[in-house]
Structure formats: C-alpha cells, structure tokens
C-alpha cells in the first residue's frame, strides 16, 4: 500500500520495485542460494554484470530519469544489502568495519537520498509469528515477549 501511493502519481515519481534484489539473486556478487549459477546464467543473463554498487547507483541516479522533474521512490528490503546467515561463495566482503551492508556509508548516506522505513505490526505482518508471541500493550509501549504458556 505504501508503494501504491507513489505508483498513483506517475507524473511526479519514478518507482523502482526492489531493484537491489536483482543483484542479490542473480548478479556476479549474488548472495542468495535460491538460484543456481546455471539458472542465473540461463534465465537471468541480463543481470550477469549487475553488482550491488551499480544497482545502488541506478537507484540514486536512475538511467533516463530527469531528477529535476521527477522524484525517485525505491521500495526495497534491507536484506538485499546485507549478508545472509547462509551466505554463498559469491557474497561480497563488507566495505568497512561496523557497516553491516555491502555499500559504503558514504554511498548510503548521500545528502540527496532520504531513507524511509516502514515498520509493520508483527501480529499483522506475520500472523504465525504473532501466535508464538504474547503481545501486550500498556500506556507507554507495545512489547512482544515469548509466550509463557502453550496455546
């Protein structure tokens, strides 16, 4: 729904849907074990040279988009720029100490980039997870703690 608000204004926004995922799944630095190298080469060869840095550059300065006329909105997931638990051999090294992403801080924190985070209510985003949690709200905070009794 959040992305839809931008899609409904095509004269004002260029919308990129999960562009970092292409490097994550199919590029030479691919990090996901989901697709084999053979599948990537055969079915997704258009991404064969798409690195994380190039993908990020295309988010910040999309080819063919006049940034003085249109704003760029990119909907993506943080997992696409961080190494997974089950990383594969082609996973790139992290660029600097203390930075858990594949992109240098200077590139992520450019002054012309504004990051927005949508944090969902766990019981609505992942109902199966909510069943395993005992979510209680008080006047100050909402806290989810492991359930103390079996359901």
Protein backbone atom coordinates (compact mmCIF):
# COMPACT_ATOMS: atom_id res chain seq x y z
CA UNK A 1 0.00 0.00 0.00
CA UNK A 2 2.85 2.42 0.79
CA UNK A 3 4.39 1.90 -2.65
CA UNK A 4 0.96 2.25 -4.28
CA UNK A 5 0.74 5.89 -3.14
CA UNK A 6 3.78 6.68 -5.31
CA UNK A 7 2.68 4.49 -8.22
CA UNK A 8 -0.55 6.50 -8.37
CA UNK A 9 1.46 9.65 -9.21
CA UNK A 10 3.45 8.70 -12.35
CA UNK A 11 3.96 12.33 -13.40
CA UNK A 12 5.72 13.07 -10.12
CA UNK A 13 7.55 9.83 -9.28
CA UNK A 14 9.63 7.13 -10.88
CA UNK A 15 9.03 4.00 -8.80
CA UNK A 16 11.62 1.24 -8.52
CA UNK A 17 10.35 -2.03 -7.05
CA UNK A 18 13.06 -3.92 -5.13
CA UNK A 19 15.90 -3.10 -7.54
CA UNK A 20 18.60 -4.40 -5.17
CA UNK A 21 17.00 -7.84 -5.34
CA UNK A 22 18.35 -8.37 -8.85
CA UNK A 23 21.95 -8.17 -7.60
CA UNK A 24 21.03 -10.25 -4.53
CA UNK A 25 19.54 -13.12 -6.55
CA UNK A 26 21.24 -13.02 -9.96
CA UNK A 27 24.36 -10.79 -10.17
CA UNK A 28 28.02 -11.79 -10.00
CA UNK A 29 28.02 -10.99 -6.26
CA UNK A 30 24.78 -12.89 -5.77
CA UNK A 31 24.20 -13.64 -2.15
CA UNK A 32 21.08 -15.76 -2.18
CA UNK A 33 21.40 -19.52 -2.61
CA UNK A 34 17.88 -19.59 -4.11
CA UNK A 35 19.03 -19.92 -7.75
CA UNK A 36 21.95 -21.96 -9.06
CA UNK A 37 24.68 -20.30 -11.12
CA UNK A 38 23.35 -22.25 -14.11
CA UNK A 39 19.82 -20.90 -13.64
CA UNK A 40 21.16 -17.35 -13.25
CA UNK A 41 23.19 -17.67 -16.45
CA UNK A 42 20.38 -19.29 -18.44
CA UNK A 43 17.25 -17.47 -17.22
CA UNK A 44 18.57 -14.16 -15.86
CA UNK A 45 21.59 -13.33 -18.02
CA UNK A 46 20.54 -9.65 -18.20
CA UNK A 47 21.78 -9.35 -14.60
CA UNK A 48 25.13 -11.10 -15.17
CA UNK A 49 27.13 -7.91 -14.53
CA UNK A 50 24.81 -6.22 -12.01
CA UNK A 51 26.80 -5.56 -8.82
CA UNK A 52 25.41 -4.05 -5.61
CA UNK A 53 27.25 -0.77 -6.23
CA UNK A 54 25.98 -0.44 -9.78
CA UNK A 55 22.46 -1.30 -8.67
CA UNK A 56 22.64 1.36 -5.93
CA UNK A 57 23.96 3.92 -8.42
CA UNK A 58 20.92 3.19 -10.61
CA UNK A 59 18.65 3.79 -7.60
CA UNK A 60 20.29 7.12 -6.75
CA UNK A 61 20.54 8.23 -10.39
CA UNK A 62 18.19 6.08 -12.50
CA UNK A 63 19.16 5.99 -16.17
CA UNK A 64 16.79 8.05 -18.31
CA UNK A 65 15.14 9.90 -15.41
CA UNK A 66 15.39 13.67 -15.11
CA UNK A 67 15.66 14.15 -11.34
CA UNK A 68 14.81 17.84 -11.71
CA UNK A 69 11.33 16.85 -12.92
CA UNK A 70 10.54 13.57 -11.13
CA UNK A 71 11.37 12.20 -7.71
CA UNK A 72 12.52 8.60 -7.40
CA UNK A 73 10.90 6.25 -4.90
CA UNK A 74 12.57 2.88 -4.39
CA UNK A 75 10.80 0.19 -2.39
CA UNK A 76 13.34 -2.34 -1.22
CA UNK A 77 14.22 -4.64 1.65
CA UNK A 78 17.24 -4.30 3.93
CA UNK A 79 18.08 -7.99 3.48
CA UNK A 80 19.16 -7.24 -0.11
CA UNK A 81 22.21 -5.24 1.01
CA UNK A 82 23.28 -7.41 3.95
CA UNK A 83 24.92 -10.84 4.02
CA UNK A 84 22.50 -13.64 4.91
CA UNK A 85 23.15 -16.29 7.51
CA UNK A 86 23.56 -18.90 4.77
CA UNK A 87 25.84 -16.80 2.51
CA UNK A 88 27.28 -18.42 -0.57
CA UNK A 89 30.80 -18.12 -2.03
CA UNK A 90 29.99 -15.17 -4.31
CA UNK A 91 28.84 -12.99 -1.38
CA UNK A 92 30.97 -9.82 -1.41
CA UNK A 93 33.03 -8.64 1.54
CA UNK A 94 31.72 -5.81 3.68
CA UNK A 95 33.32 -2.48 2.72
CA UNK A 96 34.16 -1.16 6.19
CA UNK A 97 34.18 -2.12 9.86
CA UNK A 98 30.94 -1.50 11.70
CA UNK A 99 28.90 -1.31 8.49
CA UNK A 100 26.71 -4.42 8.03
CA UNK A 101 25.87 -3.61 4.39
CA UNK A 102 27.60 -4.23 1.06
CA UNK A 103 27.57 -0.48 0.32
CA UNK A 104 29.93 2.10 1.84
CA UNK A 105 28.31 4.51 4.30
CA UNK A 106 29.17 7.48 2.08
CA UNK A 107 27.06 5.99 -0.71
CA UNK A 108 24.14 5.02 1.52
CA UNK A 109 24.03 8.36 3.31
CA UNK A 110 24.27 10.72 0.34
CA UNK A 111 22.57 14.07 1.03
CA UNK A 112 20.17 13.62 -1.89
CA UNK A 113 18.87 10.29 -0.52
CA UNK A 114 16.17 10.21 2.13
CA UNK A 115 15.61 6.83 3.76
CA UNK A 116 12.12 5.96 4.98
CA UNK A 117 11.35 2.86 6.98
CA UNK A 118 8.00 1.16 7.26
CA UNK A 119 7.84 -0.95 10.40
CA UNK A 120 4.85 -3.22 10.49
CA UNK A 121 2.94 -4.51 13.46
CA UNK A 122 4.26 -8.08 13.93
CA UNK A 123 0.86 -9.66 14.52
CA UNK A 124 -0.41 -8.21 11.23
CA UNK A 125 2.75 -8.76 9.15
CA UNK A 126 3.46 -12.32 10.32
CA UNK A 127 0.41 -13.93 11.96
CA UNK A 128 2.25 -17.22 12.54
CA UNK A 129 4.91 -15.35 14.48
CA UNK A 130 2.26 -13.49 16.48
CA UNK A 131 0.82 -16.82 17.58
CA UNK A 132 4.18 -17.66 19.14
CA UNK A 133 4.33 -14.32 20.94
CA UNK A 134 2.34 -12.87 23.76
CA UNK A 135 1.87 -9.23 22.70
CA UNK A 136 0.75 -6.86 25.41
CA UNK A 137 0.26 -3.13 25.24
CA UNK A 138 0.44 -0.68 28.11
CA UNK A 139 0.15 3.10 28.13
CA UNK A 140 3.87 3.58 27.32
CA UNK A 141 4.91 0.88 24.87
CA UNK A 142 3.87 -2.21 22.99
CA UNK A 143 6.09 -5.13 23.86
CA UNK A 144 6.19 -8.63 22.44
CA UNK A 145 7.71 -11.27 24.66
CA UNK A 146 7.94 -15.04 24.26
CA UNK A 147 4.71 -16.72 25.28
CA UNK A 148 4.84 -18.25 28.73
CA UNK A 149 2.21 -20.87 28.13
CA UNK A 150 1.45 -23.24 25.29
CA UNK A 151 -1.53 -22.35 23.11
